[in-house]
Amino acid sequence: MPSTPRPLRRLGFLTIGLFDAADPGRGHESTLQIIELGERLGFDSAWVRHRHLQYGISSPVAVLAAASQRTRRIELGTAVTPLGWENPLRLAEDLATVDVLSGGRLNPGVSVGPPQHFEQVRDALYPDTADAEDFGHERVRRLVDLVRGEPATGFHGEEGFEVFSSVVQPHSPGLGRRLWYGAGSLGSARWAGEHGMNLLTSSVVKAEDSVGGPLDFAGTQLSHIREFRARHPDGDAARVSQGLVVIPTDSASPGQRARYAEYAARRLPRTASPQGPARLLFAPDLVGTSAELAERLHAHAAFREVDEVAFALPFTFEHEDYVQILTDMATKLGPALGWRPAG
């Protein structure tokens, strides 16, 4: 562990983009306004989650395309897009298109594994090929290769009045270095490093990857970060972004403080021991003044190893709550962690 925490170089935030089924436009507009606010406050990045058959953003690429036209500087990311729902070739085309529209600001984050509730959705998603689909790392490798300009076909050239390319078009040369892998296990962190991706590490890790001593979230996450960098061509300079749930309360009203504390308290029991068959360890949500949060983060073993974050906004809060939280992050918490807002 470094003897002193690294100054925070890049500050981002993550939102799920919830909406009311009776008025989905209002929720999507709220998300876009939050991203615009993030840019005005000097945040370096804004990230959206990916939710299928739920009341959250199901098409983050479309939302970020809209955000790219309402912002000029802030980087835009997905954390994360589950590739089990995607065709890597088609996704590569969409990502490259939005990257071009944004002027090179897209940061796609992806993960692997079967789609959630796969047995219930397989007939709608893959009616003819469900048993043949590969939901492992090979799916990520295909996407990475296509985004980086590897040929998708041996055919190219002119055919009549049309011209065909063997690689994904448009091709955005810098996008390949802005691909992120959402890893919660030591094996996934290792794979991401070996394939030159960036690492997104969130508030969930697999307990079985803890080596020696009692199970500990921060120590387990730290082992993932170090294994990733040990395998990455860039070594200690390889990019890692941490995504804990962090809720500053400096300018919050008494009612907001009470609701935030209640939210964190309801979720705290799941952090006491590994959860479910996958034995997942959850990090506690951090709630308090920016001075209190900075002290807790500086004591966090994994946070001390990174200089980029994308703090996650709670799922169920109101628009005005997110405005207060983001404002305090940018004006109080970020500076307390050594960060300076982007111009």
Protein backbone atom coordinates (compact mmCIF):
# COMPACT_ATOMS: atom_id res chain seq x y z
CA MET A 1 0.00 0.00 0.00
CA PRO A 2 1.36 3.48 -0.78
CA SER A 3 2.44 5.33 2.37
CA THR A 4 0.17 8.23 1.42
CA PRO A 5 -2.98 8.31 -0.73
CA ARG A 6 -2.60 9.45 -4.33
CA PRO A 7 -4.19 12.82 -5.10
CA LEU A 8 -7.42 12.25 -6.97
CA ARG A 9 -6.79 13.08 -10.63
CA ARG A 10 -10.16 12.31 -12.25
CA LEU A 11 -13.60 12.56 -10.64
CA GLY A 12 -16.66 10.97 -12.23
CA PHE A 13 -20.11 9.80 -11.25
CA LEU A 14 -22.40 6.92 -12.21
CA THR A 15 -26.20 6.96 -12.50
CA ILE A 16 -28.76 4.26 -13.26
CA GLY A 17 -31.20 6.69 -14.92
CA LEU A 18 -34.44 5.45 -13.37
CA PHE A 19 -37.76 6.45 -14.92
CA ASP A 20 -41.49 6.05 -14.39
CA ALA A 21 -43.03 3.59 -16.86
CA ALA A 22 -45.94 6.01 -17.34
CA ASP A 23 -43.59 8.88 -18.27
CA PRO A 24 -40.19 7.52 -19.39
CA GLY A 25 -39.25 10.74 -21.17
CA ARG A 26 -39.10 12.67 -17.90
CA GLY A 27 -36.62 10.22 -16.37
CA HIS A 28 -34.38 10.22 -19.42
CA GLU A 29 -34.43 14.01 -19.50
CA SER A 30 -33.45 14.07 -15.83
CA THR A 31 -30.45 11.89 -16.62
CA LEU A 32 -29.36 14.19 -19.43
CA GLN A 33 -29.73 17.23 -17.18
CA ILE A 34 -27.62 15.54 -14.51
CA ILE A 35 -24.87 14.91 -17.08
CA GLU A 36 -25.05 18.56 -18.17
CA LEU A 37 -24.77 19.60 -14.51
CA GLY A 38 -21.76 17.33 -14.10
CA GLU A 39 -19.99 19.13 -16.93
CA ARG A 40 -20.77 22.56 -15.45
CA LEU A 41 -19.40 21.44 -12.09
CA GLY A 42 -16.14 20.30 -13.67
CA PHE A 43 -16.55 16.52 -13.39
CA ASP A 44 -14.21 14.60 -15.68
CA SER A 45 -16.68 11.83 -16.55
CA ALA A 46 -20.32 10.75 -16.36
CA TRP A 47 -21.27 7.08 -16.56
CA VAL A 48 -24.62 5.33 -16.99
CA ARG A 49 -25.63 1.84 -15.98
CA HIS A 50 -27.30 -0.66 -18.30
CA ARG A 51 -30.61 -2.23 -17.28
CA HIS A 52 -32.68 -4.60 -19.46
CA LEU A 53 -36.41 -5.17 -18.90
CA GLN A 54 -36.27 -2.79 -15.93
CA TYR A 55 -37.16 0.87 -15.38
CA GLY A 56 -33.63 2.12 -15.95
CA ILE A 57 -31.56 2.93 -19.03
CA SER A 58 -31.80 -0.01 -21.44
CA SER A 59 -29.95 1.72 -24.27
CA PRO A 60 -27.05 3.71 -22.82
CA VAL A 61 -25.44 4.16 -26.23
CA ALA A 62 -28.52 6.06 -27.39
CA VAL A 63 -28.64 8.13 -24.19
CA LEU A 64 -24.95 8.97 -24.45
CA ALA A 65 -25.38 9.93 -28.10
CA ALA A 66 -27.94 12.50 -26.90
CA ALA A 67 -25.63 13.59 -24.07
CA SER A 68 -22.78 14.05 -26.53
CA GLN A 69 -24.79 16.74 -28.30
CA ARG A 70 -25.64 18.58 -25.07
CA THR A 71 -22.09 18.66 -23.67
CA ARG A 72 -18.69 19.58 -25.07
CA ARG A 73 -16.04 18.30 -22.65
CA ILE A 74 -17.13 15.70 -20.10
CA GLU A 75 -16.26 12.09 -20.95
CA LEU A 76 -19.20 9.67 -21.26
CA GLY A 77 -19.10 6.04 -20.22
CA THR A 78 -21.08 2.85 -19.61
CA ALA A 79 -20.58 0.98 -16.36
CA VAL A 80 -21.26 -1.52 -17.52
CA THR A 81 -22.80 -2.97 -20.70
CA PRO A 82 -23.34 -6.74 -20.20
CA LEU A 83 -22.16 -8.31 -23.44
CA GLY A 84 -24.42 -11.32 -23.10
CA TRP A 85 -27.18 -9.11 -24.50
CA GLU A 86 -25.09 -7.75 -27.38
CA ASN A 87 -23.72 -8.67 -30.79
CA PRO A 88 -20.08 -7.47 -30.60
CA LEU A 89 -19.96 -6.37 -34.26
CA ARG A 90 -23.12 -4.28 -34.04
CA LEU A 91 -22.09 -2.86 -30.68
CA ALA A 92 -18.68 -1.92 -32.09
CA GLU A 93 -20.42 0.08 -34.84
CA ASP A 94 -22.66 1.88 -32.35
CA LEU A 95 -19.79 2.69 -30.00
CA ALA A 96 -17.58 4.02 -32.78
CA THR A 97 -20.43 6.17 -34.10
CA VAL A 98 -21.09 7.77 -30.71
CA ASP A 99 -17.37 8.27 -30.15
CA VAL A 100 -17.15 10.17 -33.43
CA LEU A 101 -20.25 12.23 -32.56
CA SER A 102 -18.79 13.08 -29.13
CA GLY A 103 -15.40 14.11 -30.46
CA GLY A 104 -13.62 11.15 -28.85
CA ARG A 105 -15.18 11.23 -25.37
CA LEU A 106 -16.73 7.76 -25.12
CA ASN A 107 -15.53 5.28 -22.49
CA PRO A 108 -17.38 1.98 -22.98
CA GLY A 109 -17.32 -0.37 -20.01
CA VAL A 110 -18.38 -3.99 -20.50
CA SER A 111 -18.80 -7.23 -18.58
CA VAL A 112 -19.33 -10.90 -19.40
CA GLY A 113 -21.61 -13.70 -18.27
CA PRO A 114 -25.04 -14.99 -19.30
CA PRO A 115 -27.84 -12.42 -19.42
CA GLN A 116 -29.61 -11.96 -16.10
CA HIS A 117 -32.60 -14.33 -15.79
CA PHE A 118 -31.39 -16.04 -18.95
CA GLU A 119 -33.82 -18.96 -18.77
CA GLN A 120 -36.74 -16.53 -18.78
CA VAL A 121 -35.43 -14.34 -21.61
CA ARG A 122 -33.53 -16.74 -23.85
CA ASP A 123 -36.41 -17.39 -26.25
CA ALA A 124 -36.84 -13.68 -26.87
CA LEU A 125 -33.12 -12.88 -27.05
CA TYR A 126 -31.61 -15.91 -28.78
CA PRO A 127 -34.53 -18.07 -30.02
CA ASP A 128 -32.34 -20.15 -32.36
CA THR A 129 -28.82 -19.93 -30.91
CA ALA A 130 -29.17 -19.82 -27.11
CA ASP A 131 -27.30 -23.08 -26.54
CA ALA A 132 -24.47 -22.07 -28.88
CA GLU A 133 -23.82 -18.57 -27.51
CA ASP A 134 -20.48 -17.98 -25.75
CA PHE A 135 -20.91 -15.62 -22.81
CA GLY A 136 -17.28 -15.70 -21.66
CA HIS A 137 -14.21 -13.58 -22.33
CA GLU A 138 -14.13 -14.52 -26.03
CA ARG A 139 -17.11 -12.21 -26.52
CA VAL A 140 -15.12 -9.31 -25.06
CA ARG A 141 -12.10 -10.17 -27.18
CA ARG A 142 -14.25 -9.98 -30.33
CA LEU A 143 -15.51 -6.54 -29.36
CA VAL A 144 -12.02 -5.28 -28.46
CA ASP A 145 -10.54 -6.51 -31.74
CA LEU A 146 -13.35 -4.99 -33.82
CA VAL A 147 -13.15 -1.62 -32.06
CA ARG A 148 -9.38 -1.56 -32.49
CA GLY A 149 -9.67 -2.09 -36.23
CA GLU A 150 -9.13 -5.81 -36.74
CA PRO A 151 -10.90 -7.06 -39.88
CA ALA A 152 -14.49 -8.21 -39.49
CA THR A 153 -14.42 -9.88 -42.91
CA GLY A 154 -12.05 -10.70 -45.73
CA PHE A 155 -14.28 -8.85 -48.20
CA HIS A 156 -13.66 -5.22 -49.09
CA GLY A 157 -13.55 -3.01 -52.13
CA GLU A 158 -16.05 -1.84 -54.73
CA GLU A 159 -19.18 -3.65 -55.80
CA GLY A 160 -21.07 -1.73 -58.40
CA PHE A 161 -21.61 1.76 -57.05
CA GLU A 162 -20.96 0.76 -53.40
CA VAL A 163 -17.69 0.63 -51.46
CA PHE A 164 -17.20 -1.89 -48.63
CA SER A 165 -14.72 -1.93 -45.75
CA SER A 166 -13.24 -4.96 -44.04
CA VAL A 167 -13.17 -3.15 -40.69
CA VAL A 168 -15.91 -1.54 -38.59
CA GLN A 169 -16.92 1.89 -39.84
CA PRO A 170 -16.67 4.52 -38.70
CA HIS A 171 -13.30 3.69 -37.19
CA SER A 172 -12.38 5.87 -34.20
CA PRO A 173 -8.66 5.25 -33.56
CA GLY A 174 -8.53 6.34 -29.90
CA LEU A 175 -11.56 4.33 -28.78
CA GLY A 176 -9.61 1.10 -28.43
CA ARG A 177 -7.61 2.56 -25.53
CA ARG A 178 -10.78 3.76 -23.82
CA LEU A 179 -12.39 0.34 -23.42
CA TRP A 180 -13.02 -0.67 -19.80
CA TYR A 181 -13.70 -4.06 -18.25
CA GLY A 182 -15.95 -4.31 -15.19
CA ALA A 183 -14.21 -6.93 -13.07
CA GLY A 184 -15.25 -8.30 -9.70
CA SER A 185 -12.88 -11.28 -9.57
CA LEU A 186 -9.15 -11.85 -9.65
CA GLY A 187 -9.40 -13.85 -12.88
CA SER A 188 -11.32 -11.12 -14.67
CA ALA A 189 -8.90 -8.45 -13.47
CA ARG A 190 -6.02 -10.57 -14.76
CA TRP A 191 -7.72 -11.07 -18.15
CA ALA A 192 -8.42 -7.34 -18.53
CA GLY A 193 -4.79 -6.53 -17.85
CA GLU A 194 -3.47 -9.12 -20.27
CA HIS A 195 -5.69 -7.69 -23.03
CA GLY A 196 -4.74 -4.06 -22.45
CA MET A 197 -8.13 -2.85 -21.26
CA ASN A 198 -8.81 -0.37 -18.45
CA LEU A 199 -10.28 -1.65 -15.18
CA LEU A 200 -13.60 -0.66 -13.60
CA THR A 201 -13.85 -1.92 -10.05
CA SER A 202 -17.07 -1.22 -8.16
CA SER A 203 -18.64 -1.87 -4.77
CA VAL A 204 -18.90 -5.65 -5.37
CA VAL A 205 -16.12 -8.27 -5.41
CA LYS A 206 -16.04 -12.06 -5.19
CA ALA A 207 -15.11 -13.27 -1.73
CA GLU A 208 -13.37 -16.44 -2.93
CA ASP A 209 -10.59 -14.30 -4.35
CA SER A 210 -9.52 -13.10 -0.92
CA VAL A 211 -6.13 -14.61 -0.09
CA GLY A 212 -5.29 -15.29 3.55
CA GLY A 213 -6.79 -13.76 6.69
CA PRO A 214 -10.41 -12.67 7.19
CA LEU A 215 -12.55 -11.74 4.21
CA ASP A 216 -12.14 -8.03 3.61
CA PHE A 217 -13.66 -5.98 0.80
CA ALA A 218 -10.93 -3.34 0.52
CA GLY A 219 -8.11 -5.88 0.69
CA THR A 220 -9.75 -8.10 -1.91
CA GLN A 221 -10.33 -5.16 -4.25
CA LEU A 222 -6.73 -4.08 -3.76
CA SER A 223 -5.52 -7.53 -4.82
CA HIS A 224 -7.55 -7.21 -8.05
CA ILE A 225 -6.04 -3.81 -8.84
CA ARG A 226 -2.50 -5.03 -8.27
CA GLU A 227 -3.00 -8.22 -10.29
CA PHE A 228 -4.47 -6.17 -13.14
CA ARG A 229 -1.52 -3.81 -13.25
CA ALA A 230 0.96 -6.65 -12.95
CA ARG A 231 -0.49 -8.13 -16.17
CA HIS A 232 -1.07 -4.89 -18.10
CA PRO A 233 1.45 -3.63 -20.68
CA ASP A 234 1.35 -0.19 -18.99
CA GLY A 235 2.14 -1.64 -15.55
CA ASP A 236 1.53 0.77 -12.67
CA ALA A 237 0.31 3.40 -15.14
CA ALA A 238 -2.62 1.22 -16.27
CA ARG A 239 -5.91 2.99 -15.64
CA VAL A 240 -8.19 1.86 -12.81
CA SER A 241 -11.42 3.57 -11.76
CA GLN A 242 -13.15 2.77 -8.47
CA GLY A 243 -16.93 3.07 -8.11
CA LEU A 244 -18.06 3.10 -4.49
CA VAL A 245 -21.40 4.58 -3.39
CA VAL A 246 -20.41 7.89 -1.79
CA ILE A 247 -22.97 10.42 -0.50
CA PRO A 248 -21.69 13.76 0.82
CA THR A 249 -24.12 15.64 3.05
CA ASP A 250 -22.49 19.08 3.43
CA SER A 251 -25.38 21.07 1.93
CA ALA A 252 -28.09 18.44 2.44
CA SER A 253 -31.26 19.38 4.31
CA PRO A 254 -32.10 17.56 7.55
CA GLY A 255 -34.68 15.52 5.63
CA GLN A 256 -32.17 14.52 2.99
CA ARG A 257 -29.59 13.53 5.61
CA ALA A 258 -32.17 11.33 7.33
CA ARG A 259 -33.16 9.61 4.07
CA TYR A 260 -29.55 9.07 3.04
CA ALA A 261 -28.69 7.54 6.39
CA GLU A 262 -31.75 5.29 6.21
CA TYR A 263 -30.82 4.17 2.68
CA ALA A 264 -27.31 3.19 3.76
CA ALA A 265 -28.55 1.48 6.92
CA ARG A 266 -30.99 -0.71 4.95
CA ARG A 267 -28.15 -1.89 2.72
CA LEU A 268 -25.54 -2.34 5.45
CA PRO A 269 -26.47 -5.92 6.54
CA ARG A 270 -25.42 -7.33 3.15
CA THR A 271 -21.86 -6.12 3.80
CA ALA A 272 -21.40 -8.30 6.89
CA SER A 273 -20.71 -11.57 5.04
CA PRO A 274 -20.48 -13.01 1.50
CA GLN A 275 -23.86 -13.02 -0.26
CA GLY A 276 -25.43 -15.67 -2.50
CA PRO A 277 -23.98 -18.63 -4.40
CA ALA A 278 -21.31 -16.39 -5.95
CA ARG A 279 -20.19 -15.29 -2.45
CA LEU A 280 -20.20 -11.59 -3.26
CA LEU A 281 -18.71 -9.04 -0.89
CA PHE A 282 -20.39 -5.62 -0.88
CA ALA A 283 -18.77 -2.39 0.24
CA PRO A 284 -20.72 -0.26 2.72
CA ASP A 285 -22.25 2.93 1.33
CA LEU A 286 -20.34 5.97 2.58
CA VAL A 287 -22.49 8.81 3.95
CA GLY A 288 -21.28 11.92 5.75
CA THR A 289 -19.67 15.30 5.39
CA SER A 290 -16.92 15.63 2.82
CA ALA A 291 -14.31 15.85 5.58
CA GLU A 292 -15.60 12.59 7.08
CA LEU A 293 -15.76 10.88 3.68
CA ALA A 294 -12.24 11.99 2.73
CA GLU A 295 -10.91 10.50 5.97
CA ARG A 296 -12.68 7.18 5.34
CA LEU A 297 -11.56 7.02 1.72
CA HIS A 298 -7.94 7.80 2.58
CA ALA A 299 -8.06 4.83 4.96
CA HIS A 300 -9.48 2.51 2.25
CA ALA A 301 -6.75 0.19 0.98
CA ALA A 302 -8.02 0.06 -2.61
CA PHE A 303 -8.84 3.77 -2.87
CA ARG A 304 -5.25 4.56 -1.91
CA GLU A 305 -4.15 2.67 -5.04
CA VAL A 306 -6.19 4.67 -7.58
CA ASP A 307 -6.37 8.23 -8.84
CA GLU A 308 -9.65 7.92 -10.75
CA VAL A 309 -13.16 7.34 -9.38
CA ALA A 310 -16.72 7.18 -10.68
CA PHE A 311 -18.73 7.44 -7.48
CA ALA A 312 -22.10 5.72 -7.83
CA LEU A 313 -25.29 7.68 -7.17
CA PRO A 314 -27.90 5.75 -5.16
CA PHE A 315 -30.64 4.16 -7.27
CA THR A 316 -33.81 5.57 -5.82
CA PHE A 317 -33.20 9.23 -4.99
CA GLU A 318 -34.91 12.26 -6.51
CA HIS A 319 -33.46 14.68 -9.07
CA GLU A 320 -32.90 17.40 -6.47
CA ASP A 321 -31.01 14.90 -4.29
CA TYR A 322 -28.61 14.15 -7.15
CA VAL A 323 -28.09 17.87 -7.70
CA GLN A 324 -27.13 18.32 -4.04
CA ILE A 325 -24.87 15.25 -3.99
CA LEU A 326 -23.03 16.15 -7.20
CA THR A 327 -22.61 19.76 -6.12
CA ASP A 328 -21.06 18.70 -2.82
CA MET A 329 -18.86 16.15 -4.59
CA ALA A 330 -17.47 18.76 -6.94
CA THR A 331 -17.14 21.66 -4.52
CA LYS A 332 -16.29 19.91 -1.23
CA LEU A 333 -15.36 16.22 -1.48
CA GLY A 334 -13.29 16.36 -4.67
CA PRO A 335 -11.02 19.16 -3.40
CA ALA A 336 -10.64 17.35 -0.06
CA LEU A 337 -9.26 14.39 -2.05
CA GLY A 338 -6.81 16.55 -4.01
CA TRP A 339 -8.96 16.92 -7.14
CA ARG A 340 -9.38 20.05 -9.21
CA PRO A 341 -12.40 20.61 -11.47
CA ALA A 342 -11.86 20.54 -15.21
CA GLY A 343 -12.14 23.84 -17.05
